[in-house]
């Protein structure tokens, strides 16, 4: 069989989920237990309306790394230690419940690289012109002993 190839700029979200599921299944056959993959969200919300205001979205991979995918703190709440608190809580959860030994994340040059470095994260890679005129940064930190 020769597969049909289709290009779209408006893919359905289910396509991404299908591809992720296939990649995870392939990886888990090689590296072990898929039950150790967990999503983790820690949210900031309005105490009266329960409206979500910000938070962290992350996931653990097979008991070895926590990947912080997203961190958003509203500008009006920045500088109060909320980002530090959310990152620490995610790191603690990854260490205790998931036996992770490290954390990694990425940030763009106009984002919070300095914030992460103040928390002890170190740069392990960068991409120039990502997007044009900016840089992408990849940072990591060991969980144990940090």
N, C-alpha and C. Protein backbone atom coordinates (compact mmCIF):
# COMPACT_ATOMS: atom_id res chain seq x y z
N UNK A 1 0.83 -1.18 0.00
CA UNK A 1 0.00 0.00 0.00
C UNK A 1 0.88 1.25 0.00
N UNK A 2 0.52 2.21 -0.81
CA UNK A 2 1.18 3.51 -0.82
C UNK A 2 0.22 4.48 -0.13
N UNK A 3 0.64 5.08 0.99
CA UNK A 3 -0.28 5.96 1.73
C UNK A 3 -0.51 7.28 1.00
N UNK A 4 -1.68 7.82 1.21
CA UNK A 4 -2.03 9.16 0.71
C UNK A 4 -1.38 10.17 1.65
N UNK A 5 -0.81 11.23 1.12
CA UNK A 5 -0.19 12.29 1.92
C UNK A 5 -1.07 13.53 1.81
N UNK A 6 -1.45 14.07 2.97
CA UNK A 6 -2.33 15.23 3.02
C UNK A 6 -1.69 16.33 3.85
N UNK A 7 -1.71 17.55 3.37
CA UNK A 7 -1.19 18.69 4.12
C UNK A 7 -2.36 19.58 4.52
N UNK A 8 -2.33 20.09 5.78
CA UNK A 8 -3.37 21.00 6.23
C UNK A 8 -2.78 22.01 7.21
N UNK A 9 -3.31 23.20 7.18
CA UNK A 9 -2.94 24.23 8.15
C UNK A 9 -3.99 24.35 9.25
N UNK A 10 -4.97 23.49 9.20
CA UNK A 10 -6.04 23.49 10.20
C UNK A 10 -6.33 22.07 10.69
N UNK A 11 -5.30 21.40 11.24
CA UNK A 11 -5.54 20.03 11.69
C UNK A 11 -6.43 20.00 12.93
N UNK A 12 -7.18 18.94 13.06
CA UNK A 12 -8.02 18.72 14.23
C UNK A 12 -7.12 18.33 15.40
N UNK A 13 -7.47 18.74 16.61
CA UNK A 13 -6.68 18.42 17.80
C UNK A 13 -6.52 16.91 17.99
N UNK A 14 -7.46 16.14 17.51
CA UNK A 14 -7.37 14.68 17.66
C UNK A 14 -6.18 14.11 16.88
N UNK A 15 -5.75 14.80 15.84
CA UNK A 15 -4.59 14.34 15.07
C UNK A 15 -3.35 14.40 15.94
N UNK A 16 -3.16 15.50 16.65
CA UNK A 16 -2.01 15.63 17.55
C UNK A 16 -2.06 14.55 18.61
N UNK A 17 -3.21 14.32 19.20
CA UNK A 17 -3.34 13.28 20.22
C UNK A 17 -3.02 11.91 19.66
N UNK A 18 -3.47 11.62 18.45
CA UNK A 18 -3.16 10.34 17.82
C UNK A 18 -1.65 10.18 17.66
N UNK A 19 -1.00 11.21 17.11
CA UNK A 19 0.45 11.14 16.90
C UNK A 19 1.20 11.00 18.22
N UNK A 20 0.81 11.75 19.24
CA UNK A 20 1.44 11.63 20.55
C UNK A 20 1.26 10.23 21.13
N UNK A 21 0.07 9.70 21.01
CA UNK A 21 -0.19 8.34 21.51
C UNK A 21 0.71 7.32 20.81
N UNK A 22 0.87 7.45 19.50
CA UNK A 22 1.71 6.52 18.75
C UNK A 22 3.17 6.64 19.16
N UNK A 23 3.66 7.87 19.32
CA UNK A 23 5.05 8.09 19.72
C UNK A 23 5.29 7.55 21.13
N UNK A 24 4.35 7.81 22.04
CA UNK A 24 4.51 7.30 23.41
C UNK A 24 4.52 5.78 23.44
N UNK A 25 3.60 5.16 22.72
CA UNK A 25 3.55 3.70 22.69
C UNK A 25 4.86 3.13 22.16
N UNK A 26 5.38 3.72 21.10
CA UNK A 26 6.65 3.28 20.52
C UNK A 26 7.78 3.42 21.55
N UNK A 27 7.84 4.57 22.21
CA UNK A 27 8.89 4.81 23.21
C UNK A 27 8.76 3.86 24.39
N UNK A 28 7.56 3.66 24.89
CA UNK A 28 7.36 2.83 26.07
C UNK A 28 7.72 1.38 25.82
N UNK A 29 7.58 0.91 24.60
CA UNK A 29 8.01 -0.45 24.28
C UNK A 29 9.52 -0.58 24.43
N UNK A 30 10.23 0.52 24.31
CA UNK A 30 11.69 0.49 24.38
C UNK A 30 12.24 0.86 25.74
N UNK A 31 11.55 1.76 26.48
CA UNK A 31 12.13 2.23 27.74
C UNK A 31 11.36 1.80 28.98
N UNK A 32 10.24 1.14 28.79
CA UNK A 32 9.57 0.60 29.97
C UNK A 32 8.20 1.17 30.26
N UNK A 33 7.87 1.16 31.50
CA UNK A 33 6.54 1.37 32.05
C UNK A 33 5.89 2.69 31.67
N UNK A 34 4.81 2.62 30.91
CA UNK A 34 4.08 3.82 30.50
C UNK A 34 3.23 4.40 31.63
N UNK A 35 3.00 3.64 32.69
CA UNK A 35 2.15 4.14 33.78
C UNK A 35 2.83 5.27 34.54
N UNK A 36 4.13 5.47 34.30
CA UNK A 36 4.84 6.56 34.97
C UNK A 36 4.72 7.89 34.25
N UNK A 37 4.04 7.93 33.12
CA UNK A 37 3.82 9.20 32.42
C UNK A 37 2.59 9.86 33.03
N UNK A 38 2.78 11.07 33.55
CA UNK A 38 1.67 11.77 34.19
C UNK A 38 1.66 13.23 33.79
N UNK A 39 0.46 13.75 33.60
CA UNK A 39 0.28 15.19 33.42
C UNK A 39 0.15 15.82 34.79
N UNK A 40 0.58 17.06 34.92
CA UNK A 40 0.47 17.78 36.17
C UNK A 40 0.19 19.25 35.86
N UNK A 41 -0.91 19.76 36.37
CA UNK A 41 -1.25 21.17 36.26
C UNK A 41 -1.44 21.72 37.67
N UNK A 42 -0.86 22.87 37.93
CA UNK A 42 -1.05 23.57 39.19
C UNK A 42 -1.56 24.95 38.81
N UNK A 43 -2.76 25.28 39.23
CA UNK A 43 -3.45 26.46 38.73
C UNK A 43 -3.60 27.57 39.75
N UNK A 44 -3.57 28.80 39.26
CA UNK A 44 -3.92 29.98 40.04
C UNK A 44 -5.34 30.35 39.63
N UNK A 45 -6.21 30.57 40.59
CA UNK A 45 -7.58 30.94 40.23
C UNK A 45 -8.12 31.99 41.18
N UNK A 46 -9.13 32.70 40.71
CA UNK A 46 -9.81 33.71 41.51
C UNK A 46 -10.57 32.98 42.62
N UNK A 47 -10.35 33.33 43.89
CA UNK A 47 -11.01 32.61 44.98
C UNK A 47 -12.53 32.76 45.00
N UNK A 48 -13.05 33.80 44.39
CA UNK A 48 -14.50 33.99 44.38
C UNK A 48 -15.17 33.37 43.17
N UNK A 49 -14.58 33.56 41.98
CA UNK A 49 -15.23 33.10 40.75
C UNK A 49 -14.69 31.77 40.24
N UNK A 50 -13.54 31.32 40.77
CA UNK A 50 -12.85 30.11 40.32
C UNK A 50 -12.29 30.24 38.90
N UNK A 51 -12.31 31.45 38.33
CA UNK A 51 -11.74 31.68 37.01
C UNK A 51 -10.24 31.40 37.06
N UNK A 52 -9.74 30.63 36.10
CA UNK A 52 -8.31 30.34 36.05
C UNK A 52 -7.58 31.59 35.57
N UNK A 53 -6.55 31.96 36.33
CA UNK A 53 -5.78 33.17 36.04
C UNK A 53 -4.39 32.86 35.50
N UNK A 54 -3.86 31.71 35.84
CA UNK A 54 -2.53 31.33 35.43
C UNK A 54 -2.19 29.97 35.98
N UNK A 55 -0.94 29.58 35.85
CA UNK A 55 -0.52 28.30 36.40
C UNK A 55 0.63 27.68 35.64
N UNK A 56 0.89 26.44 35.97
CA UNK A 56 1.95 25.66 35.33
C UNK A 56 1.33 24.38 34.76
N UNK A 57 1.77 24.00 33.57
CA UNK A 57 1.35 22.76 32.91
C UNK A 57 2.62 21.96 32.66
N UNK A 58 2.67 20.74 33.16
CA UNK A 58 3.88 19.95 33.01
C UNK A 58 3.52 18.47 32.89
N UNK A 59 4.55 17.67 32.63
CA UNK A 59 4.36 16.23 32.59
C UNK A 59 5.65 15.53 32.96
N UNK A 60 5.51 14.33 33.51
CA UNK A 60 6.66 13.53 33.86
C UNK A 60 6.80 12.41 32.84
N UNK A 61 8.04 12.01 32.62
CA UNK A 61 8.35 10.97 31.66
C UNK A 61 9.01 9.79 32.35
N UNK A 62 8.31 8.71 32.47
CA UNK A 62 8.85 7.42 32.89
C UNK A 62 9.80 7.51 34.08
N UNK A 63 9.41 8.27 35.06
CA UNK A 63 10.16 8.38 36.32
C UNK A 63 11.57 8.94 36.17
N UNK A 64 11.80 9.77 35.14
CA UNK A 64 13.14 10.34 35.10
C UNK A 64 13.16 11.85 34.95
N UNK A 65 12.25 12.47 34.22
CA UNK A 65 12.29 13.91 34.05
C UNK A 65 10.91 14.54 34.13
N UNK A 66 10.88 15.73 34.70
CA UNK A 66 9.70 16.59 34.66
C UNK A 66 9.94 17.60 33.56
N UNK A 67 8.99 17.74 32.65
CA UNK A 67 9.08 18.79 31.62
C UNK A 67 8.04 19.84 31.94
N UNK A 68 8.50 21.05 32.19
CA UNK A 68 7.58 22.16 32.41
C UNK A 68 7.26 22.74 31.05
N UNK A 69 6.06 22.45 30.57
CA UNK A 69 5.65 22.89 29.24
C UNK A 69 5.27 24.38 29.22
N UNK A 70 4.48 24.78 30.21
CA UNK A 70 3.93 26.14 30.25
C UNK A 70 3.95 26.69 31.66
N UNK A 71 4.28 27.96 31.78
CA UNK A 71 4.15 28.68 33.05
C UNK A 71 3.64 30.06 32.70
N UNK A 72 2.50 30.43 33.28
CA UNK A 72 1.97 31.76 33.05
C UNK A 72 1.50 32.36 34.37
N UNK A 73 2.02 33.54 34.66
CA UNK A 73 1.59 34.33 35.81
C UNK A 73 1.10 35.67 35.24
N UNK A 74 -0.11 36.10 35.55
CA UNK A 74 -0.57 37.40 35.05
C UNK A 74 0.40 38.51 35.45
N UNK A 75 0.59 39.48 34.57
CA UNK A 75 1.54 40.55 34.84
C UNK A 75 1.27 41.23 36.18
N UNK A 76 0.01 41.40 36.53
CA UNK A 76 -0.34 42.07 37.79
C UNK A 76 0.06 41.28 39.02
N UNK A 77 0.38 39.98 38.85
CA UNK A 77 0.74 39.13 39.98
C UNK A 77 2.22 38.76 40.00
N UNK A 78 2.97 39.22 39.01
CA UNK A 78 4.39 38.88 38.93
C UNK A 78 5.18 39.61 40.01
N UNK A 79 6.25 38.99 40.47
CA UNK A 79 7.10 39.57 41.49
C UNK A 79 6.69 39.24 42.90
N UNK A 80 5.61 38.47 43.05
CA UNK A 80 5.11 38.11 44.39
C UNK A 80 5.53 36.70 44.80
N UNK A 81 6.34 36.03 43.99
CA UNK A 81 6.82 34.70 44.33
C UNK A 81 5.92 33.56 43.87
N UNK A 82 4.87 33.87 43.12
CA UNK A 82 3.95 32.81 42.68
C UNK A 82 4.61 31.85 41.69
N UNK A 83 5.38 32.36 40.75
CA UNK A 83 6.07 31.50 39.79
C UNK A 83 7.03 30.56 40.50
N UNK A 84 7.79 31.10 41.43
CA UNK A 84 8.73 30.29 42.21
C UNK A 84 7.96 29.20 42.98
N UNK A 85 6.83 29.57 43.55
CA UNK A 85 6.02 28.62 44.32
C UNK A 85 5.47 27.51 43.43
N UNK A 86 4.96 27.85 42.26
CA UNK A 86 4.40 26.84 41.36
C UNK A 86 5.48 25.88 40.86
N UNK A 87 6.64 26.43 40.50
CA UNK A 87 7.75 25.60 40.02
C UNK A 87 8.20 24.66 41.14
N UNK A 88 8.34 25.18 42.35
CA UNK A 88 8.76 24.35 43.49
C UNK A 88 7.76 23.24 43.76
N UNK A 89 6.48 23.55 43.68
CA UNK A 89 5.44 22.55 43.93
C UNK A 89 5.46 21.46 42.86
N UNK A 90 5.63 21.85 41.60
CA UNK A 90 5.70 20.86 40.52
C UNK A 90 6.93 19.98 40.68
N UNK A 91 8.06 20.59 41.04
CA UNK A 91 9.30 19.85 41.24
C UNK A 91 9.16 18.85 42.39
N UNK A 92 8.55 19.28 43.48
CA UNK A 92 8.34 18.40 44.64
C UNK A 92 7.44 17.22 44.27
N UNK A 93 6.37 17.50 43.56
CA UNK A 93 5.45 16.44 43.13
C UNK A 93 6.19 15.43 42.24
N UNK A 94 7.00 15.94 41.32
CA UNK A 94 7.75 15.06 40.41
C UNK A 94 8.74 14.20 41.18
N UNK A 95 9.38 14.76 42.19
CA UNK A 95 10.37 14.01 42.96
C UNK A 95 9.71 12.95 43.83
N UNK A 96 8.65 13.34 44.55
CA UNK A 96 8.04 12.44 45.53
C UNK A 96 7.16 11.39 44.87
N UNK A 97 6.24 11.79 44.03
CA UNK A 97 5.27 10.84 43.47
C UNK A 97 5.75 10.14 42.22
N UNK A 98 6.68 10.76 41.50
CA UNK A 98 7.08 10.20 40.22
C UNK A 98 8.55 9.78 40.17
N UNK A 99 9.29 9.98 41.26
CA UNK A 99 10.71 9.60 41.34
C UNK A 99 11.58 10.23 40.26
N UNK A 100 11.23 11.43 39.83
CA UNK A 100 12.03 12.11 38.82
C UNK A 100 13.32 12.63 39.42
N UNK A 101 14.36 12.65 38.61
CA UNK A 101 15.66 13.15 39.07
C UNK A 101 16.02 14.51 38.48
N UNK A 102 15.22 15.01 37.55
CA UNK A 102 15.55 16.29 36.93
C UNK A 102 14.34 16.97 36.31
N UNK A 103 14.55 18.23 35.95
CA UNK A 103 13.52 19.07 35.33
C UNK A 103 14.15 19.73 34.11
N UNK A 104 13.38 19.87 33.04
CA UNK A 104 13.83 20.67 31.91
C UNK A 104 12.68 21.52 31.41
N UNK A 105 13.03 22.62 30.75
CA UNK A 105 12.03 23.54 30.22
C UNK A 105 12.67 24.36 29.12
N UNK A 106 11.85 25.07 28.39
CA UNK A 106 12.38 25.98 27.38
C UNK A 106 11.71 27.34 27.52
N UNK A 107 12.43 28.37 27.11
CA UNK A 107 11.93 29.75 27.19
C UNK A 107 12.49 30.51 25.99
N UNK A 108 11.78 31.52 25.57
CA UNK A 108 12.25 32.37 24.48
C UNK A 108 12.93 33.60 25.07
N UNK A 109 13.75 34.28 24.26
CA UNK A 109 14.60 35.35 24.77
C UNK A 109 13.84 36.50 25.42
N UNK A 110 12.58 36.71 25.07
CA UNK A 110 11.82 37.78 25.72
C UNK A 110 11.07 37.27 26.94
N UNK A 111 11.27 36.00 27.27
CA UNK A 111 10.60 35.42 28.42
C UNK A 111 11.53 35.37 29.63
N UNK A 112 11.36 34.42 30.48
CA UNK A 112 11.90 34.44 31.84
C UNK A 112 13.17 33.64 32.06
N UNK A 113 14.12 33.68 31.13
CA UNK A 113 15.36 32.92 31.33
C UNK A 113 16.01 33.29 32.66
N UNK A 114 16.11 34.58 32.96
CA UNK A 114 16.73 35.03 34.21
C UNK A 114 16.01 34.51 35.44
N UNK A 115 14.69 34.44 35.36
CA UNK A 115 13.88 33.90 36.47
C UNK A 115 14.31 32.46 36.76
N UNK A 116 14.41 31.64 35.72
CA UNK A 116 14.78 30.24 35.90
C UNK A 116 16.22 30.11 36.39
N UNK A 117 17.11 30.93 35.87
CA UNK A 117 18.50 30.86 36.32
C UNK A 117 18.61 31.24 37.80
N UNK A 118 17.81 32.18 38.28
CA UNK A 118 17.79 32.52 39.71
C UNK A 118 17.32 31.34 40.55
N UNK A 119 16.53 30.45 39.94
CA UNK A 119 16.06 29.26 40.64
C UNK A 119 17.05 28.09 40.52
N UNK A 120 18.18 28.33 39.89
CA UNK A 120 19.20 27.29 39.81
C UNK A 120 19.22 26.49 38.52
N UNK A 121 18.42 26.87 37.54
CA UNK A 121 18.41 26.18 36.25
C UNK A 121 19.61 26.63 35.43
N UNK A 122 20.17 25.71 34.64
CA UNK A 122 21.32 26.05 33.81
C UNK A 122 20.98 25.77 32.34
N UNK A 123 21.56 26.58 31.49
CA UNK A 123 21.35 26.48 30.05
C UNK A 123 22.07 25.25 29.52
N UNK A 124 21.37 24.43 28.72
CA UNK A 124 22.05 23.30 28.09
C UNK A 124 21.99 23.36 26.57
N UNK A 125 21.18 24.26 26.02
CA UNK A 125 21.13 24.44 24.57
C UNK A 125 20.38 25.73 24.24
N UNK A 126 20.67 26.26 23.07
CA UNK A 126 19.91 27.41 22.59
C UNK A 126 19.80 27.35 21.07
N UNK A 127 18.81 28.04 20.56
CA UNK A 127 18.59 28.11 19.11
C UNK A 127 18.52 29.58 18.73
N UNK A 128 19.38 30.00 17.80
CA UNK A 128 19.34 31.37 17.31
C UNK A 128 18.19 31.55 16.33
N UNK A 129 17.70 32.79 16.24
CA UNK A 129 16.61 33.15 15.33
C UNK A 129 15.39 32.25 15.50
N UNK A 130 15.00 32.10 16.76
CA UNK A 130 13.84 31.28 17.12
C UNK A 130 12.94 32.07 18.06
N UNK A 131 12.02 32.89 17.51
CA UNK A 131 11.84 33.27 16.10
C UNK A 131 12.88 34.31 15.66
N UNK A 132 12.83 34.70 14.41
CA UNK A 132 13.83 35.59 13.82
C UNK A 132 14.13 36.77 14.75
N UNK A 133 15.42 36.96 15.03
CA UNK A 133 15.85 38.05 15.89
C UNK A 133 15.82 37.73 17.38
N UNK A 134 15.41 36.53 17.72
CA UNK A 134 15.32 36.11 19.12
C UNK A 134 16.02 34.76 19.29
N UNK A 135 16.04 34.27 20.51
CA UNK A 135 16.63 32.96 20.78
C UNK A 135 15.68 32.10 21.59
N UNK A 136 15.81 30.80 21.41
CA UNK A 136 15.15 29.82 22.26
C UNK A 136 16.18 29.24 23.20
N UNK A 137 15.82 29.13 24.47
CA UNK A 137 16.73 28.62 25.48
C UNK A 137 16.16 27.35 26.10
N UNK A 138 17.01 26.38 26.36
CA UNK A 138 16.63 25.13 27.01
C UNK A 138 17.41 25.04 28.30
N UNK A 139 16.70 24.89 29.40
CA UNK A 139 17.33 24.90 30.72
C UNK A 139 16.99 23.62 31.47
N UNK A 140 17.87 23.25 32.41
CA UNK A 140 17.65 22.03 33.19
C UNK A 140 18.11 22.25 34.63
N UNK A 141 17.63 21.35 35.49
CA UNK A 141 18.02 21.38 36.89
C UNK A 141 17.82 19.98 37.47
N UNK A 142 18.77 19.55 38.29
CA UNK A 142 18.61 18.28 38.99
C UNK A 142 17.61 18.49 40.14
N UNK A 143 16.80 17.50 40.39
CA UNK A 143 15.84 17.58 41.50
C UNK A 143 16.50 17.17 42.80
N UNK A 144 17.20 16.08 42.78
CA UNK A 144 17.83 15.56 44.01
C UNK A 144 18.90 16.53 44.48
N UNK A 145 18.83 16.91 45.75
CA UNK A 145 19.83 17.79 46.33
C UNK A 145 19.71 19.24 45.92
N UNK A 146 18.56 19.63 45.35
CA UNK A 146 18.41 21.02 44.92
C UNK A 146 17.34 21.74 45.69
